[in-house]
Amino acid sequence: MLGVRQDTNKKGTAVTNNYQKNAPKTTAELRLALPDTVSVAMAEIAENMQEGLLALAVGAGLQVMTALMEADVIAACGPKGKHDPAREAVRHGHEKGSATLGGRRVSVERPRIRAVDGSGELPVPAYELFSSTEILGRMAMQKMLAGVSTRRYPTVGLEPVGVKTEQAARSVSRSAISRRFVAATETALAQLLAAPLAELDLVALMIDGINFGEHLCVCALGIGIDGIKHPLALVEGDTENTTVVKDLLTGLRDRGLDTTRPILVGIDGAKALTAAVKRVFDHPVIQRCQIHKVRNVEDRLPKDLGKTVAKRMRKAYHAESALAAEAQLEGLARELDKTHPGAAASLREGMAETLTVQRLGVPPTLARTLRSTNAIESMNSIARDHSRNVKNWQSGNMALRWCAAGMAEAGKQFRRVNGHLHLASLRRALDERVAAETVSATRQNDTVTVAA
């Protein structure tokens, strides 16, 4: 009798899980099999009634999820115990899995199915939907930006879902929450810095810095012709110097922002900001913050005199015209020349740029928004408030992540700027000013050439 030699190197049938390596699909792509009705075993969730409606709903929801997964299996494999020649897959038992529930992961038993052609394991759409961890990252970021620490997250950051479910839950430790938050904020930072800007029609731009511990983030906020505010970008630097701000603005240009059109640029008064803006934008029109100017002059004077001077400066900035305002401010500077020359010099420095909005003839409702950097400072204040519980800023990247997440949250609260209906007239005023300056520069060059 001839014997048959067995191949001792042969191993068991391998089942590939290629679907686990692919990117998660949307609900439309998953093709869920939705049954018309689902029966809930009330006896199994009766104990949840004593813990409230939410715990009862969770218990019922887990049963519904099990029914949905079974419906997906039937849709792919046919009814159990009946041969279906048109089936796409065969049952392959069950194994332990986990689903996302109220900011935590809970254990569930998931079914497995294999393709009839032996190509590998197939996904169960309902399980793929409920096991996605993306919502965990979003919840972690929302809770921590709201001031919930990783230590308190399991107790105050999660909804009550029943004692039994909470005891079996996982992924709520401090380290797990921290990892999810880091991943979510890294995504927010990457999205902010990669968003294309070619379609934005900006009429104004504001630049300001915000400190996180020893780290400084310089941020940019754009105002579109429709009055909508757009968080644009941020960079880290030790100070608001020319190099840092130039890198910030160059990044905006590289992402498609049009830097050739005239644009109003609001800054707090730092000379480095003006220099950087003029290097990147072809026709910037600078508006220095009037509030910062008043504050800088007031800080150089005795308390009582400072209050009086600040009041007079604010009155001058609300004069009927830029010429009247400049005359009042220059008169105030002359009064300060003898007794407080430092304050007088501070008042004169950049005075003309603090009156740009008035010279452009911007209506008062819109001027209130553009005469200061309050719009971007409001965004920065929201970002700072969201990070108030952070005590140890470990790196500049950490500061950038928190700042980007705060800017994204601020963007959700933005409204159109006051006086946005006048932005079209501001655009015309900017174009006319730049055109006039261009003609003047051309005539001056022609005069110099003739004289030579």
Protein backbone atom coordinates (compact mmCIF):
# COMPACT_ATOMS: atom_id res chain seq x y z
CA MET A 1 0.00 0.00 0.00
CA LEU A 2 1.48 3.24 -1.07
CA GLY A 3 1.67 5.87 1.59
CA VAL A 4 1.08 9.55 1.04
CA ARG A 5 3.74 11.84 2.37
CA GLN A 6 2.31 14.66 4.39
CA ASP A 7 3.68 18.20 4.05
CA THR A 8 4.79 19.00 7.57
CA ASN A 9 5.37 22.63 6.63
CA LYS A 10 1.72 23.22 5.81
CA LYS A 11 0.01 25.53 8.27
CA GLY A 12 -3.61 26.24 9.08
CA THR A 13 -5.80 28.30 6.81
CA ALA A 14 -4.84 31.95 7.06
CA VAL A 15 -7.61 34.51 7.26
CA THR A 16 -6.58 37.97 6.18
CA ASN A 17 -8.08 40.98 7.90
CA ASN A 18 -7.37 43.48 5.15
CA TYR A 19 -10.46 45.51 6.06
CA GLN A 20 -8.84 46.38 9.40
CA LYS A 21 -5.94 48.07 7.60
CA ASN A 22 -8.07 50.29 5.43
CA ALA A 23 -9.31 53.75 6.35
CA PRO A 24 -12.69 53.78 8.15
CA LYS A 25 -15.63 54.15 5.79
CA THR A 26 -18.55 56.49 6.04
CA THR A 27 -22.00 55.29 6.99
CA ALA A 28 -23.08 55.55 3.37
CA GLU A 29 -20.20 53.31 2.27
CA LEU A 30 -20.84 50.73 4.99
CA ARG A 31 -24.28 49.74 3.60
CA LEU A 32 -25.94 48.97 6.91
CA ALA A 33 -28.70 46.38 6.85
CA LEU A 34 -31.48 48.03 8.83
CA PRO A 35 -34.26 45.74 10.09
CA ASP A 36 -37.79 47.07 10.17
CA THR A 37 -38.21 46.24 13.88
CA VAL A 38 -35.90 45.29 16.74
CA SER A 39 -37.04 43.45 19.87
CA VAL A 40 -35.55 44.48 23.21
CA ALA A 41 -35.41 41.99 26.09
CA MET A 42 -36.66 44.16 28.94
CA ALA A 43 -35.76 41.54 31.55
CA GLU A 44 -32.08 42.01 30.73
CA ILE A 45 -32.18 45.78 31.25
CA ALA A 46 -34.67 45.97 34.12
CA GLU A 47 -31.92 46.68 36.63
CA ASN A 48 -30.89 49.74 34.60
CA MET A 49 -34.25 51.39 35.25
CA GLN A 50 -33.21 52.23 38.81
CA GLU A 51 -30.18 54.15 37.47
CA GLY A 52 -32.18 56.50 35.29
CA LEU A 53 -33.42 56.87 31.75
CA LEU A 54 -29.96 57.27 30.21
CA ALA A 55 -28.71 53.99 31.69
CA LEU A 56 -31.90 52.28 30.46
CA ALA A 57 -31.37 53.71 26.98
CA VAL A 58 -27.78 52.46 26.98
CA GLY A 59 -28.86 48.95 27.86
CA ALA A 60 -31.46 49.00 25.10
CA GLY A 61 -28.99 50.53 22.68
CA LEU A 62 -26.48 47.72 23.18
CA GLN A 63 -29.18 45.20 22.34
CA VAL A 64 -30.12 47.19 19.23
CA MET A 65 -26.46 47.23 18.16
CA THR A 66 -26.33 43.42 18.52
CA ALA A 67 -29.46 43.14 16.38
CA LEU A 68 -28.00 45.42 13.72
CA MET A 69 -24.81 43.37 13.56
CA GLU A 70 -26.84 40.19 13.18
CA ALA A 71 -28.89 41.83 10.40
CA ASP A 72 -25.63 42.63 8.57
CA VAL A 73 -24.53 38.99 8.91
CA ILE A 74 -27.85 37.74 7.52
CA ALA A 75 -27.62 40.19 4.61
CA ALA A 76 -24.18 38.87 3.68
CA CYS A 77 -24.53 35.17 4.55
CA GLY A 78 -28.25 34.51 4.35
CA PRO A 79 -30.48 33.09 7.11
CA LYS A 80 -28.70 30.75 9.47
CA GLY A 81 -29.30 27.07 8.72
CA LYS A 82 -30.49 27.71 5.15
CA HIS A 83 -28.20 27.39 2.16
CA ASP A 84 -28.13 30.53 0.02
CA PRO A 85 -26.28 30.08 -3.29
CA ALA A 86 -26.19 33.87 -3.82
CA ARG A 87 -24.50 34.60 -0.50
CA GLU A 88 -21.37 36.74 -0.45
CA ALA A 89 -19.91 35.43 2.80
CA VAL A 90 -20.02 32.64 5.38
CA ARG A 91 -20.24 32.89 9.14
CA HIS A 92 -16.96 32.58 11.03
CA GLY A 93 -18.02 32.65 14.68
CA HIS A 94 -17.72 35.44 17.20
CA GLU A 95 -14.96 37.17 19.11
CA LYS A 96 -14.54 39.88 21.69
CA GLY A 97 -14.60 43.42 20.43
CA SER A 98 -15.34 46.90 21.69
CA ALA A 99 -17.62 49.78 20.81
CA THR A 100 -17.59 53.49 21.57
CA LEU A 101 -20.18 54.53 24.13
CA GLY A 102 -20.41 57.90 25.85
CA GLY A 103 -16.70 58.69 25.63
CA ARG A 104 -15.52 55.23 26.69
CA ARG A 105 -14.91 51.82 25.16
CA VAL A 106 -17.17 48.96 26.23
CA SER A 107 -16.71 45.26 25.49
CA VAL A 108 -19.10 43.63 23.03
CA GLU A 109 -19.23 40.32 21.22
CA ARG A 110 -18.90 40.86 17.51
CA PRO A 111 -19.70 38.41 14.70
CA ARG A 112 -17.13 37.49 12.06
CA ILE A 113 -17.76 36.64 8.41
CA ARG A 114 -15.50 35.44 5.58
CA ALA A 115 -15.77 35.87 1.85
CA VAL A 116 -17.04 32.74 0.06
CA ASP A 117 -14.06 32.83 -2.32
CA GLY A 118 -11.66 32.53 0.61
CA SER A 119 -10.09 35.94 -0.01
CA GLY A 120 -10.31 36.87 3.65
CA GLU A 121 -12.47 38.28 6.40
CA LEU A 122 -15.10 40.88 5.59
CA PRO A 123 -16.20 43.80 7.77
CA VAL A 124 -19.54 43.87 9.55
CA PRO A 125 -20.86 47.39 8.75
CA ALA A 126 -22.70 47.94 12.04
CA TYR A 127 -19.64 46.96 14.08
CA GLU A 128 -17.36 49.16 11.98
CA LEU A 129 -19.69 52.10 12.62
CA PHE A 130 -20.05 51.65 16.38
CA SER A 131 -16.40 50.72 17.00
CA SER A 132 -14.95 53.88 15.44
CA THR A 133 -12.70 55.75 17.87
CA GLU A 134 -12.84 59.11 16.09
CA ILE A 135 -15.61 60.37 18.36
CA LEU A 136 -13.45 59.59 21.41
CA GLY A 137 -10.83 62.07 20.24
CA ARG A 138 -13.44 64.75 19.56
CA MET A 139 -15.01 64.25 22.98
CA ALA A 140 -11.65 64.34 24.74
CA MET A 141 -10.71 67.60 23.03
CA GLN A 142 -14.08 69.22 23.74
CA LYS A 143 -14.05 68.23 27.41
CA MET A 144 -10.44 69.29 28.04
CA LEU A 145 -10.89 72.60 26.22
CA ALA A 146 -13.88 73.14 28.50
CA GLY A 147 -11.57 72.79 31.51
CA VAL A 148 -11.98 69.11 32.46
CA SER A 149 -8.62 67.64 33.48
CA THR A 150 -7.49 64.13 32.59
CA ARG A 151 -7.69 63.24 36.29
CA ARG A 152 -11.37 64.20 36.56
CA TYR A 153 -12.39 63.04 33.08
CA PRO A 154 -13.81 59.63 34.13
CA THR A 155 -15.96 61.17 36.90
CA VAL A 156 -17.18 64.50 35.50
CA GLY A 157 -16.37 64.26 31.80
CA LEU A 158 -18.57 61.29 30.96
CA GLU A 159 -22.30 60.70 30.95
CA PRO A 160 -23.67 58.07 33.38
CA VAL A 161 -24.40 54.90 31.43
CA GLY A 162 -25.09 52.44 34.23
CA VAL A 163 -22.87 50.86 36.89
CA LYS A 164 -22.50 47.57 35.05
CA THR A 165 -21.46 49.24 31.82
CA GLU A 166 -19.11 51.67 33.56
CA GLN A 167 -17.32 48.87 35.41
CA ALA A 168 -16.64 47.07 32.15
CA ALA A 169 -15.55 50.22 30.30
CA ARG A 170 -11.98 51.06 29.35
CA SER A 171 -10.00 53.79 27.57
CA VAL A 172 -10.81 56.33 30.29
CA SER A 173 -7.45 56.43 32.06
CA ARG A 174 -5.45 59.65 32.27
CA SER A 175 -2.89 58.39 29.76
CA ALA A 176 -5.57 57.25 27.30
CA ILE A 177 -7.38 60.59 27.48
CA SER A 178 -4.10 62.46 27.10
CA ARG A 179 -3.12 60.43 24.02
CA ARG A 180 -6.47 61.05 22.39
CA PHE A 181 -6.29 64.77 23.17
CA VAL A 182 -2.78 65.05 21.72
CA ALA A 183 -3.89 63.24 18.56
CA ALA A 184 -7.00 65.44 18.22
CA THR A 185 -5.08 68.70 18.70
CA GLU A 186 -2.36 67.57 16.29
CA THR A 187 -5.12 67.07 13.73
CA ALA A 188 -6.56 70.53 14.48
CA LEU A 189 -3.10 72.10 14.04
CA ALA A 190 -2.44 70.26 10.78
CA GLN A 191 -5.83 71.21 9.37
CA LEU A 192 -5.38 74.87 10.29
CA LEU A 193 -1.93 75.09 8.68
CA ALA A 194 -2.91 73.15 5.55
CA ALA A 195 -6.26 74.77 4.72
CA PRO A 196 -6.13 76.32 1.21
CA LEU A 197 -6.63 80.09 1.12
CA ALA A 198 -6.92 80.76 -2.61
CA GLU A 199 -10.70 81.14 -2.42
CA LEU A 200 -10.61 83.67 0.44
CA ASP A 201 -11.29 87.27 -0.50
CA LEU A 202 -9.84 89.13 2.47
CA VAL A 203 -10.25 92.84 2.94
CA ALA A 204 -8.55 93.02 6.35
CA LEU A 205 -5.93 91.06 8.26
CA MET A 206 -4.98 91.21 11.94
CA ILE A 207 -1.83 89.90 13.61
CA ASP A 208 -1.19 89.45 17.32
CA GLY A 209 0.73 87.23 19.74
CA ILE A 210 -0.44 85.09 22.65
CA ASN A 211 1.73 83.66 25.42
CA PHE A 212 1.49 80.11 26.74
CA GLY A 213 3.95 79.88 29.60
CA GLU A 214 7.34 80.79 28.14
CA HIS A 215 6.16 80.18 24.58
CA LEU A 216 4.73 82.80 22.23
CA CYS A 217 2.37 81.98 19.38
CA VAL A 218 1.88 84.67 16.72
CA CYS A 219 -1.57 84.31 15.13
CA ALA A 220 -3.27 85.72 12.06
CA LEU A 221 -6.99 86.44 11.61
CA GLY A 222 -8.58 87.39 8.31
CA ILE A 223 -11.80 89.30 7.64
CA GLY A 224 -13.50 88.44 4.36
CA ILE A 225 -15.40 90.81 2.13
CA ASP A 226 -18.58 89.16 3.48
CA GLY A 227 -17.67 90.05 7.08
CA ILE A 228 -16.79 86.51 8.15
CA LYS A 229 -13.70 86.11 10.33
CA HIS A 230 -11.24 83.34 9.50
CA PRO A 231 -8.50 81.95 11.80
CA LEU A 232 -5.65 81.63 9.31
CA ALA A 233 -2.41 80.42 10.85
CA LEU A 234 0.04 80.59 13.74
CA VAL A 235 3.77 80.23 14.32
CA GLU A 236 5.89 79.94 17.43
CA GLY A 237 8.56 82.46 18.33
CA ASP A 238 10.22 84.07 21.32
CA THR A 239 9.03 87.57 20.31
CA GLU A 240 6.96 89.22 17.59
CA ASN A 241 10.08 89.90 15.52
CA THR A 242 10.30 90.47 11.78
CA THR A 243 11.53 86.95 10.98
CA VAL A 244 8.72 85.20 12.85
CA VAL A 245 5.97 87.39 11.39
CA LYS A 246 7.44 87.11 7.89
CA ASP A 247 7.40 83.31 8.17
CA LEU A 248 3.75 83.50 9.26
CA LEU A 249 2.74 85.69 6.30
CA THR A 250 4.85 83.78 3.79
CA GLY A 251 3.03 80.63 4.84
CA LEU A 252 -0.28 82.33 4.05
CA ARG A 253 0.99 83.31 0.61
CA ASP A 254 2.25 79.79 -0.07
CA ARG A 255 -1.22 78.44 0.74
CA GLY A 256 -2.76 80.61 -1.95
CA LEU A 257 -3.64 83.89 -0.22
CA ASP A 258 -3.62 86.79 -2.66
CA THR A 259 -0.96 89.24 -1.43
CA THR A 260 -1.13 91.52 -4.47
CA ARG A 261 -4.43 93.27 -3.69
CA PRO A 262 -4.64 96.19 -1.27
CA ILE A 263 -5.50 95.02 2.23
CA LEU A 264 -5.97 96.70 5.60
CA VAL A 265 -3.59 95.19 8.17
CA GLY A 266 -4.31 95.75 11.86
CA ILE A 267 -1.39 95.47 14.26
CA ASP A 268 -0.72 96.41 17.86
CA GLY A 269 2.05 98.83 16.99
CA ALA A 270 5.24 96.75 16.97
CA LYS A 271 7.62 98.02 14.26
CA ALA A 272 8.67 94.46 13.44
CA LEU A 273 5.12 93.66 12.36
CA THR A 274 5.03 96.59 9.94
CA ALA A 275 8.36 95.60 8.39
CA ALA A 276 7.30 91.98 7.90
CA VAL A 277 3.93 92.94 6.42
CA LYS A 278 5.53 95.24 3.85
CA ARG A 279 7.96 92.52 2.79
CA VAL A 280 5.20 90.01 1.97
CA PHE A 281 2.21 92.12 0.84
CA ASP A 282 2.46 94.33 -2.24
CA HIS A 283 0.00 97.01 -1.08
CA PRO A 284 -0.63 96.80 2.67
CA VAL A 285 -2.39 99.68 4.41
CA ILE A 286 -1.42 99.69 8.08
CA GLN A 287 -3.87 100.46 10.88
CA ARG A 288 -2.20 100.57 14.29
CA CYS A 289 -4.39 99.76 17.26
CA GLN A 290 -5.67 102.92 18.93
CA ILE A 291 -6.28 101.12 22.22
CA HIS A 292 -2.65 100.00 22.38
CA LYS A 293 -1.48 103.52 21.58
CA VAL A 294 -3.57 105.01 24.42
CA ARG A 295 -2.29 102.33 26.80
CA ASN A 296 1.35 102.88 25.83
CA VAL A 297 1.15 106.63 26.42
CA GLU A 298 -0.76 106.20 29.68
CA ASP A 299 1.90 103.81 31.02
CA ARG A 300 4.52 106.56 30.69
CA LEU A 301 2.62 109.04 32.85
CA PRO A 302 1.66 109.36 36.53
CA LYS A 303 -1.62 107.66 37.34
CA ASP A 304 -3.87 110.72 37.56
CA LEU A 305 -2.34 112.47 34.58
CA GLY A 306 -2.38 109.24 32.61
CA LYS A 307 -6.13 108.91 33.02
CA THR A 308 -6.67 112.49 31.86
CA VAL A 309 -4.43 112.08 28.81
CA ALA A 310 -6.06 108.74 27.91
CA LYS A 311 -9.49 110.39 28.03
CA ARG A 312 -8.35 113.19 25.72
CA MET A 313 -6.78 110.72 23.28
CA ARG A 314 -9.95 108.66 23.07
CA LYS A 315 -11.92 111.85 22.41
CA ALA A 316 -9.50 112.81 19.65
CA TYR A 317 -9.82 109.40 18.00
CA HIS A 318 -13.56 110.01 17.75
CA ALA A 319 -13.19 113.37 16.06
CA GLU A 320 -15.17 114.14 12.90
CA SER A 321 -12.15 113.79 10.61
CA ALA A 322 -8.60 112.46 10.57
CA LEU A 323 -7.24 116.03 10.28
CA ALA A 324 -9.15 117.15 13.38
CA ALA A 325 -8.01 114.07 15.30
CA GLU A 326 -4.37 114.60 14.30
CA ALA A 327 -4.53 118.25 15.33
CA GLN A 328 -5.89 117.36 18.77
CA LEU A 329 -3.28 114.63 19.29
CA GLU A 330 -0.42 116.88 18.17
CA GLY A 331 -1.63 119.62 20.52
CA LEU A 332 -1.65 117.11 23.37
CA ALA A 333 1.88 116.00 22.49
CA ARG A 334 3.13 119.60 22.62
CA GLU A 335 1.65 119.97 26.11
CA LEU A 336 3.55 116.87 27.23
CA ASP A 337 6.88 117.86 25.61
CA LYS A 338 8.26 119.81 28.58
CA THR A 339 7.05 117.71 31.50
CA HIS A 340 6.90 114.20 30.03
CA PRO A 341 8.89 114.02 26.78
CA GLY A 342 8.83 110.21 26.77
CA ALA A 343 5.05 110.14 26.67
CA ALA A 344 5.03 112.86 23.99
CA ALA A 345 7.43 110.84 21.82
CA SER A 346 5.31 107.71 22.29
CA LEU A 347 2.21 109.65 21.25
CA ARG A 348 3.85 110.97 18.06
CA GLU A 349 5.39 107.62 17.09
CA GLY A 350 3.18 106.04 14.44
CA MET A 351 0.41 108.58 15.03
CA ALA A 352 -0.54 108.72 11.36
CA GLU A 353 -1.04 104.95 11.18
CA THR A 354 -3.47 105.05 14.09
CA LEU A 355 -5.73 107.30 11.98
CA THR A 356 -5.81 105.16 8.83
CA VAL A 357 -9.43 104.10 9.29
CA GLN A 358 -10.54 107.74 9.61
CA ARG A 359 -8.58 108.73 6.50
CA LEU A 360 -10.24 105.96 4.52
CA GLY A 361 -13.66 107.32 5.49
CA VAL A 362 -14.82 104.09 7.10
CA PRO A 363 -18.34 104.43 8.61
CA PRO A 364 -18.44 104.40 12.45
CA THR A 365 -20.05 100.95 12.78
CA LEU A 366 -17.22 99.30 10.85
CA ALA A 367 -14.57 101.66 12.23
CA ARG A 368 -15.24 100.36 15.75
CA THR A 369 -14.09 96.93 14.59
CA LEU A 370 -11.06 98.03 12.58
CA ARG A 371 -9.62 100.83 14.73
CA SER A 372 -8.26 98.24 17.20
CA THR A 373 -7.08 94.61 17.29
CA ASN A 374 -9.94 93.55 19.56
CA ALA A 375 -11.20 91.01 17.01
CA ILE A 376 -8.04 88.90 17.09
CA GLU A 377 -7.50 89.51 20.80
CA SER A 378 -10.96 88.07 21.41
CA MET A 379 -9.94 84.92 19.53
CA ASN A 380 -6.71 84.71 21.52
CA SER A 381 -8.62 85.22 24.75
CA ILE A 382 -10.79 82.20 23.96
CA ALA A 383 -7.70 80.11 23.22
CA ARG A 384 -6.09 81.26 26.46
CA ASP A 385 -9.23 80.54 28.47
CA HIS A 386 -9.42 76.98 27.12
CA SER A 387 -5.85 76.30 28.32
CA ARG A 388 -6.23 77.86 31.76
CA ASN A 389 -5.73 74.53 33.56
CA VAL A 390 -2.37 73.81 31.90
CA LYS A 391 0.46 74.55 34.31
CA ASN A 392 3.43 72.86 32.65
CA TRP A 393 4.08 73.87 29.05
CA GLN A 394 6.53 71.19 27.99
CA SER A 395 7.35 72.36 24.47
CA GLY A 396 6.56 74.80 21.73
CA ASN A 397 4.64 72.11 19.86
CA MET A 398 2.36 71.71 22.86
CA ALA A 399 1.67 75.44 22.83
CA LEU A 400 0.92 75.34 19.09
CA ARG A 401 -1.49 72.41 19.52
CA TRP A 402 -3.44 74.08 22.32
CA CYS A 403 -3.50 77.41 20.48
CA ALA A 404 -4.72 75.81 17.24
CA ALA A 405 -7.46 73.94 19.09
CA GLY A 406 -8.50 77.16 20.83
CA MET A 407 -8.55 79.07 17.52
CA ALA A 408 -10.74 76.35 16.01
CA GLU A 409 -13.16 76.60 18.94
CA ALA A 410 -13.18 80.39 18.66
CA GLY A 411 -14.00 80.06 14.97
CA LYS A 412 -17.19 78.21 15.89
CA GLN A 413 -18.33 81.25 17.91
CA PHE A 414 -17.52 83.91 15.32
CA ARG A 415 -20.17 86.24 13.96
CA ARG A 416 -19.92 88.70 11.12
CA VAL A 417 -18.08 91.85 12.09
CA ASN A 418 -20.13 94.91 12.97
CA GLY A 419 -20.70 97.07 9.92
CA HIS A 420 -19.87 94.26 7.49
CA LEU A 421 -22.17 95.84 4.88
CA HIS A 422 -19.59 98.65 4.53
CA LEU A 423 -16.67 96.33 3.70
CA ALA A 424 -17.26 96.78 -0.04
CA SER A 425 -16.81 100.55 0.35
CA LEU A 426 -13.65 99.87 2.39
CA ARG A 427 -12.31 97.80 -0.51
CA ARG A 428 -12.94 100.71 -2.90
CA ALA A 429 -11.25 103.16 -0.51
CA LEU A 430 -8.20 100.88 -0.25
CA ASP A 431 -7.97 100.59 -4.04
CA GLU A 432 -8.25 104.35 -4.48
CA ARG A 433 -5.61 105.04 -1.83
CA VAL A 434 -3.12 102.60 -3.32
CA ALA A 435 -3.79 103.95 -6.83
CA ALA A 436 -3.18 107.51 -5.63
CA GLU A 437 0.06 106.51 -3.90
CA THR A 438 1.21 104.71 -7.04
CA VAL A 439 0.57 107.78 -9.23
CA SER A 440 2.35 110.01 -6.74
CA ALA A 441 5.36 107.71 -6.62
CA THR A 442 5.48 107.56 -10.43
CA ARG A 443 5.41 111.38 -10.76
CA GLN A 444 8.13 111.73 -8.15
CA ASN A 445 10.34 109.27 -10.01
CA ASP A 446 9.74 111.13 -13.28
CA THR A 447 10.71 114.42 -11.61
CA VAL A 448 13.94 112.92 -10.28
CA THR A 449 14.77 111.46 -13.69
CA VAL A 450 14.26 114.83 -15.43
CA ALA A 451 16.34 116.64 -12.84
CA ALA A 452 19.15 114.16 -13.31
